[in-house]
């Protein structure tokens, strides 16, 4: 009986490792596909300066987030549901986009797209490319808040501000209890 229990535990372990490996590879493939689509979106002929709010459809690839210090070029997807976050950086529905004088909120997983985000410092640059232009932001401060704290998302439209969020602590296994927030100002 002990021998069969060992085989069962071994089979379950191999199954879990196999499933986790498949999930990682699948997520990377989706992120790469979204990145290729984002390159096409921002390389298309530039839309003339927009006159209305930019309101893409849920799940649509809308641009690129580039973070030079950590050598990251990440697709921005409209929405923050698991499907969108599996493909890249999610744009919080209802938040503003660059040049709309409001709060731009982007979120991503700490163990995929934002794997090295903890290496960023005050003053580092982040760039957002959308079909109608390229915009640069400088990190002005960071914060760590409770996972249930939604007060950082005010959707204010008094001044343009880029807010990037991810789970924290970075190396935590499971549902992280906090959120790491980066606040950046347009340069």
C-alpha atoms as a PDB file:
ATOM      1  CA  UNK A   1       0.000   0.000   0.000  1.00  0.00           C
ATOM      2  CA  UNK A   2       2.838   2.432   0.846  1.00  0.00           C
ATOM      3  CA  UNK A   3       4.371   1.865  -2.577  1.00  0.00           C
ATOM      4  CA  UNK A   4       1.119   2.849  -4.334  1.00  0.00           C
ATOM      5  CA  UNK A   5       0.778   5.948  -2.182  1.00  0.00           C
ATOM      6  CA  UNK A   6       4.264   7.046  -3.236  1.00  0.00           C
ATOM      7  CA  UNK A   7       3.351   6.514  -6.905  1.00  0.00           C
ATOM      8  CA  UNK A   8       0.123   8.447  -6.436  1.00  0.00           C
ATOM      9  CA  UNK A   9       1.912  11.361  -4.790  1.00  0.00           C
ATOM     10  CA  UNK A  10       4.563  11.298  -7.517  1.00  0.00           C
ATOM     11  CA  UNK A  11       1.900  11.280 -10.251  1.00  0.00           C
ATOM     12  CA  UNK A  12       0.068  14.205  -8.631  1.00  0.00           C
ATOM     13  CA  UNK A  13       3.351  16.140  -8.314  1.00  0.00           C
ATOM     14  CA  UNK A  14       4.218  15.542 -11.967  1.00  0.00           C
ATOM     15  CA  UNK A  15       0.694  16.589 -12.947  1.00  0.00           C
ATOM     16  CA  UNK A  16       0.897  19.820 -10.953  1.00  0.00           C
ATOM     17  CA  UNK A  17       4.341  20.661 -12.363  1.00  0.00           C
ATOM     18  CA  UNK A  18       3.137  19.858 -15.881  1.00  0.00           C
ATOM     19  CA  UNK A  19       0.046  22.019 -15.519  1.00  0.00           C
ATOM     20  CA  UNK A  20       2.027  24.932 -14.056  1.00  0.00           C
ATOM     21  CA  UNK A  21       4.584  24.666 -16.868  1.00  0.00           C
ATOM     22  CA  UNK A  22       1.817  24.658 -19.469  1.00  0.00           C
ATOM     23  CA  UNK A  23       0.206  27.740 -17.846  1.00  0.00           C
ATOM     24  CA  UNK A  24       3.529  29.625 -17.891  1.00  0.00           C
ATOM     25  CA  UNK A  25       4.215  28.739 -21.532  1.00  0.00           C
ATOM     26  CA  UNK A  26       0.635  29.589 -22.533  1.00  0.00           C
ATOM     27  CA  UNK A  27       0.827  32.952 -20.744  1.00  0.00           C
ATOM     28  CA  UNK A  28       4.151  33.788 -22.419  1.00  0.00           C
ATOM     29  CA  UNK A  29       2.753  32.840 -25.827  1.00  0.00           C
ATOM     30  CA  UNK A  30      -0.305  35.070 -25.303  1.00  0.00           C
ATOM     31  CA  UNK A  31       1.902  37.947 -24.108  1.00  0.00           C
ATOM     32  CA  UNK A  32       4.156  37.573 -27.172  1.00  0.00           C
ATOM     33  CA  UNK A  33       1.144  37.517 -29.487  1.00  0.00           C
ATOM     34  CA  UNK A  34      -0.256  40.658 -27.815  1.00  0.00           C
ATOM     35  CA  UNK A  35       3.129  42.351 -28.050  1.00  0.00           C
ATOM     36  CA  UNK A  36       3.291  41.698 -31.820  1.00  0.00           C
ATOM     37  CA  UNK A  37      -0.219  43.103 -32.185  1.00  0.00           C
ATOM     38  CA  UNK A  38       0.714  46.160 -30.070  1.00  0.00           C
ATOM     39  CA  UNK A  39       3.700  46.858 -32.331  1.00  0.00           C
ATOM     40  CA  UNK A  40       1.328  46.901 -35.316  1.00  0.00           C
ATOM     41  CA  UNK A  41      -1.124  49.171 -33.492  1.00  0.00           C
ATOM     42  CA  UNK A  42       1.484  51.820 -32.677  1.00  0.00           C
ATOM     43  CA  UNK A  43       3.281  51.558 -36.035  1.00  0.00           C
ATOM     44  CA  UNK A  44       0.138  52.136 -38.097  1.00  0.00           C
ATOM     45  CA  UNK A  45      -0.268  55.607 -39.550  1.00  0.00           C
ATOM     46  CA  UNK A  46      -0.652  57.994 -36.643  1.00  0.00           C
ATOM     47  CA  UNK A  47      -4.202  59.062 -35.921  1.00  0.00           C
ATOM     48  CA  UNK A  48      -4.481  62.833 -36.022  1.00  0.00           C
ATOM     49  CA  UNK A  49      -4.683  64.443 -32.615  1.00  0.00           C
ATOM     50  CA  UNK A  50      -7.858  63.001 -31.201  1.00  0.00           C
ATOM     51  CA  UNK A  51     -10.769  65.221 -30.403  1.00  0.00           C
ATOM     52  CA  UNK A  52     -12.746  62.746 -28.271  1.00  0.00           C
ATOM     53  CA  UNK A  53     -11.876  60.231 -25.581  1.00  0.00           C
ATOM     54  CA  UNK A  54     -10.079  57.113 -26.765  1.00  0.00           C
ATOM     55  CA  UNK A  55     -12.463  54.270 -25.861  1.00  0.00           C
ATOM     56  CA  UNK A  56     -11.306  50.872 -27.144  1.00  0.00           C
ATOM     57  CA  UNK A  57     -13.271  47.645 -26.773  1.00  0.00           C
ATOM     58  CA  UNK A  58     -12.703  45.204 -23.902  1.00  0.00           C
ATOM     59  CA  UNK A  59      -9.785  42.882 -24.717  1.00  0.00           C
ATOM     60  CA  UNK A  60      -8.463  45.095 -27.531  1.00  0.00           C
ATOM     61  CA  UNK A  61      -4.705  45.631 -27.814  1.00  0.00           C
ATOM     62  CA  UNK A  62      -4.322  49.410 -27.603  1.00  0.00           C
ATOM     63  CA  UNK A  63      -0.619  50.187 -27.306  1.00  0.00           C
ATOM     64  CA  UNK A  64       2.717  49.618 -25.617  1.00  0.00           C
ATOM     65  CA  UNK A  65       4.146  50.308 -22.180  1.00  0.00           C
ATOM     66  CA  UNK A  66       7.922  50.617 -22.383  1.00  0.00           C
ATOM     67  CA  UNK A  67      10.071  50.701 -19.252  1.00  0.00           C
ATOM     68  CA  UNK A  68      13.671  51.297 -20.396  1.00  0.00           C
ATOM     69  CA  UNK A  69      15.403  50.611 -17.054  1.00  0.00           C
ATOM     70  CA  UNK A  70      14.136  47.023 -16.904  1.00  0.00           C
ATOM     71  CA  UNK A  71      14.156  46.534 -20.681  1.00  0.00           C
ATOM     72  CA  UNK A  72      10.402  45.899 -20.790  1.00  0.00           C
ATOM     73  CA  UNK A  73       8.185  46.383 -23.843  1.00  0.00           C
ATOM     74  CA  UNK A  74       4.687  45.295 -22.872  1.00  0.00           C
ATOM     75  CA  UNK A  75       1.389  45.213 -24.732  1.00  0.00           C
ATOM     76  CA  UNK A  76      -1.412  47.271 -23.190  1.00  0.00           C
ATOM     77  CA  UNK A  77      -4.798  45.538 -23.317  1.00  0.00           C
ATOM     78  CA  UNK A  78      -8.135  47.225 -22.553  1.00  0.00           C
ATOM     79  CA  UNK A  79      -9.455  45.657 -19.335  1.00  0.00           C
ATOM     80  CA  UNK A  80      -8.075  44.052 -16.195  1.00  0.00           C
ATOM     81  CA  UNK A  81      -9.911  40.736 -16.158  1.00  0.00           C
ATOM     82  CA  UNK A  82      -7.778  37.578 -15.989  1.00  0.00           C
ATOM     83  CA  UNK A  83      -7.994  37.144 -19.783  1.00  0.00           C
ATOM     84  CA  UNK A  84      -6.545  40.603 -20.425  1.00  0.00           C
ATOM     85  CA  UNK A  85      -3.884  40.353 -17.712  1.00  0.00           C
ATOM     86  CA  UNK A  86      -2.795  37.033 -19.189  1.00  0.00           C
ATOM     87  CA  UNK A  87      -1.948  38.837 -22.437  1.00  0.00           C
ATOM     88  CA  UNK A  88      -0.113  41.877 -21.095  1.00  0.00           C
ATOM     89  CA  UNK A  89      -0.667  45.006 -19.045  1.00  0.00           C
ATOM     90  CA  UNK A  90      -4.322  45.774 -18.417  1.00  0.00           C
ATOM     91  CA  UNK A  91      -5.804  49.263 -18.759  1.00  0.00           C
ATOM     92  CA  UNK A  92      -8.406  49.808 -16.042  1.00  0.00           C
ATOM     93  CA  UNK A  93     -11.795  50.235 -17.709  1.00  0.00           C
ATOM     94  CA  UNK A  94     -13.052  53.782 -17.279  1.00  0.00           C
ATOM     95  CA  UNK A  95      -9.600  55.215 -16.643  1.00  0.00           C
ATOM     96  CA  UNK A  96      -8.205  57.806 -19.003  1.00  0.00           C
ATOM     97  CA  UNK A  97      -5.574  57.490 -21.717  1.00  0.00           C
ATOM     98  CA  UNK A  98      -2.650  59.827 -22.404  1.00  0.00           C
ATOM     99  CA  UNK A  99      -3.512  63.386 -23.371  1.00  0.00           C
ATOM    100  CA  UNK A 100      -6.958  63.192 -21.743  1.00  0.00           C
ATOM    101  CA  UNK A 101      -5.879  65.068 -18.596  1.00  0.00           C
ATOM    102  CA  UNK A 102      -6.846  62.270 -16.215  1.00  0.00           C
ATOM    103  CA  UNK A 103      -5.758  59.250 -14.254  1.00  0.00           C
ATOM    104  CA  UNK A 104      -4.282  56.480 -16.452  1.00  0.00           C
ATOM    105  CA  UNK A 105      -4.376  53.170 -14.537  1.00  0.00           C
ATOM    106  CA  UNK A 106      -2.389  50.146 -15.765  1.00  0.00           C
ATOM    107  CA  UNK A 107      -2.121  46.812 -13.946  1.00  0.00           C
ATOM    108  CA  UNK A 108      -0.124  43.644 -14.480  1.00  0.00           C
ATOM    109  CA  UNK A 109       0.975  40.428 -12.824  1.00  0.00           C
ATOM    110  CA  UNK A 110       4.061  40.648 -10.606  1.00  0.00           C
ATOM    111  CA  UNK A 111       5.363  37.292 -11.796  1.00  0.00           C
ATOM    112  CA  UNK A 112       4.999  37.838 -15.555  1.00  0.00           C
ATOM    113  CA  UNK A 113       4.910  41.297 -17.180  1.00  0.00           C
ATOM    114  CA  UNK A 114       6.061  43.165 -14.057  1.00  0.00           C
ATOM    115  CA  UNK A 115       8.621  40.606 -12.921  1.00  0.00           C
ATOM    116  CA  UNK A 116      11.340  43.278 -12.449  1.00  0.00           C
ATOM    117  CA  UNK A 117       9.180  46.266 -11.513  1.00  0.00           C
ATOM    118  CA  UNK A 118      10.656  46.324  -8.003  1.00  0.00           C
ATOM    119  CA  UNK A 119      13.960  47.471  -9.540  1.00  0.00           C
ATOM    120  CA  UNK A 120      12.473  50.820 -10.577  1.00  0.00           C
ATOM    121  CA  UNK A 121      13.341  53.981  -8.658  1.00  0.00           C
ATOM    122  CA  UNK A 122      12.030  57.515  -8.314  1.00  0.00           C
ATOM    123  CA  UNK A 123      12.891  59.435 -11.492  1.00  0.00           C
ATOM    124  CA  UNK A 124      12.883  56.394 -13.806  1.00  0.00           C
ATOM    125  CA  UNK A 125      10.987  56.754 -17.064  1.00  0.00           C
ATOM    126  CA  UNK A 126       7.968  54.877 -18.390  1.00  0.00           C
ATOM    127  CA  UNK A 127       6.618  55.381 -21.913  1.00  0.00           C
ATOM    128  CA  UNK A 128       3.112  54.809 -23.215  1.00  0.00           C
ATOM    129  CA  UNK A 129       2.612  54.472 -26.969  1.00  0.00           C
ATOM    130  CA  UNK A 130      -0.922  54.589 -28.334  1.00  0.00           C
ATOM    131  CA  UNK A 131      -2.123  55.011 -31.930  1.00  0.00           C
ATOM    132  CA  UNK A 132      -2.314  58.797 -31.590  1.00  0.00           C
ATOM    133  CA  UNK A 133       1.090  59.443 -29.978  1.00  0.00           C
ATOM    134  CA  UNK A 134       3.964  58.613 -27.644  1.00  0.00           C
ATOM    135  CA  UNK A 135       4.004  59.871 -24.051  1.00  0.00           C
ATOM    136  CA  UNK A 136       6.735  59.777 -21.397  1.00  0.00           C
ATOM    137  CA  UNK A 137       6.265  59.705 -17.636  1.00  0.00           C
ATOM    138  CA  UNK A 138       8.695  60.041 -14.734  1.00  0.00           C
ATOM    139  CA  UNK A 139       8.148  58.047 -11.530  1.00  0.00           C
ATOM    140  CA  UNK A 140       7.459  60.516  -8.725  1.00  0.00           C
ATOM    141  CA  UNK A 141       6.664  58.111  -5.848  1.00  0.00           C
ATOM    142  CA  UNK A 142       5.539  54.608  -4.919  1.00  0.00           C
ATOM    143  CA  UNK A 143       3.242  53.162  -2.282  1.00  0.00           C
ATOM    144  CA  UNK A 144       2.161  49.822  -0.867  1.00  0.00           C
ATOM    145  CA  UNK A 145      -1.521  49.460   0.013  1.00  0.00           C
ATOM    146  CA  UNK A 146      -3.840  46.703   1.182  1.00  0.00           C
ATOM    147  CA  UNK A 147      -5.097  44.481  -1.656  1.00  0.00           C
ATOM    148  CA  UNK A 148      -8.663  45.692  -1.032  1.00  0.00           C
ATOM    149  CA  UNK A 149      -7.754  49.394  -1.033  1.00  0.00           C
ATOM    150  CA  UNK A 150      -9.336  50.916  -4.137  1.00  0.00           C
ATOM    151  CA  UNK A 151      -8.860  54.546  -3.066  1.00  0.00           C
ATOM    152  CA  UNK A 152      -5.899  54.954  -5.420  1.00  0.00           C
ATOM    153  CA  UNK A 153      -8.258  54.686  -8.388  1.00  0.00           C
ATOM    154  CA  UNK A 154     -10.135  57.979  -8.280  1.00  0.00           C
ATOM    155  CA  UNK A 155     -10.485  58.416 -12.052  1.00  0.00           C
ATOM    156  CA  UNK A 156      -9.880  62.102 -11.492  1.00  0.00           C
ATOM    157  CA  UNK A 157      -9.553  64.264 -14.559  1.00  0.00           C
ATOM    158  CA  UNK A 158      -7.785  67.279 -13.038  1.00  0.00           C
ATOM    159  CA  UNK A 159      -4.278  66.341 -14.122  1.00  0.00           C
ATOM    160  CA  UNK A 160      -2.650  63.609 -16.165  1.00  0.00           C
ATOM    161  CA  UNK A 161      -1.114  60.927 -13.958  1.00  0.00           C
ATOM    162  CA  UNK A 162       0.088  57.407 -14.782  1.00  0.00           C
ATOM    163  CA  UNK A 163      -0.595  54.837 -12.066  1.00  0.00           C
ATOM    164  CA  UNK A 164       0.870  51.348 -12.424  1.00  0.00           C
ATOM    165  CA  UNK A 165      -0.243  48.611 -10.025  1.00  0.00           C
ATOM    166  CA  UNK A 166       0.810  45.044  -9.283  1.00  0.00           C
ATOM    167  CA  UNK A 167       0.552  42.563  -6.434  1.00  0.00           C
ATOM    168  CA  UNK A 168       3.000  42.723  -3.527  1.00  0.00           C
ATOM    169  CA  UNK A 169       5.205  41.233  -2.090  1.00  0.00           C
ATOM    170  CA  UNK A 170       6.829  40.389  -5.397  1.00  0.00           C
ATOM    171  CA  UNK A 171       7.973  36.882  -4.456  1.00  0.00           C
ATOM    172  CA  UNK A 172       4.785  35.946  -2.614  1.00  0.00           C
ATOM    173  CA  UNK A 173       3.169  32.636  -3.556  1.00  0.00           C
ATOM    174  CA  UNK A 174      -0.601  32.791  -3.868  1.00  0.00           C
ATOM    175  CA  UNK A 175      -2.945  35.764  -3.582  1.00  0.00           C
ATOM    176  CA  UNK A 176      -0.773  38.614  -2.368  1.00  0.00           C
ATOM    177  CA  UNK A 177      -2.125  40.695   0.519  1.00  0.00           C
ATOM    178  CA  UNK A 178      -0.898  44.057  -0.826  1.00  0.00           C
ATOM    179  CA  UNK A 179      -0.607  46.132  -3.992  1.00  0.00           C
ATOM    180  CA  UNK A 180       2.513  47.975  -5.123  1.00  0.00           C
ATOM    181  CA  UNK A 181       1.617  51.296  -6.704  1.00  0.00           C
ATOM    182  CA  UNK A 182       3.801  53.493  -8.915  1.00  0.00           C
ATOM    183  CA  UNK A 183       2.767  57.099  -9.504  1.00  0.00           C
ATOM    184  CA  UNK A 184       4.313  58.808 -12.529  1.00  0.00           C
ATOM    185  CA  UNK A 185       3.949  62.308 -13.934  1.00  0.00           C
ATOM    186  CA  UNK A 186       4.052  63.290 -17.584  1.00  0.00           C
ATOM    187  CA  UNK A 187       7.408  64.666 -18.679  1.00  0.00           C
END
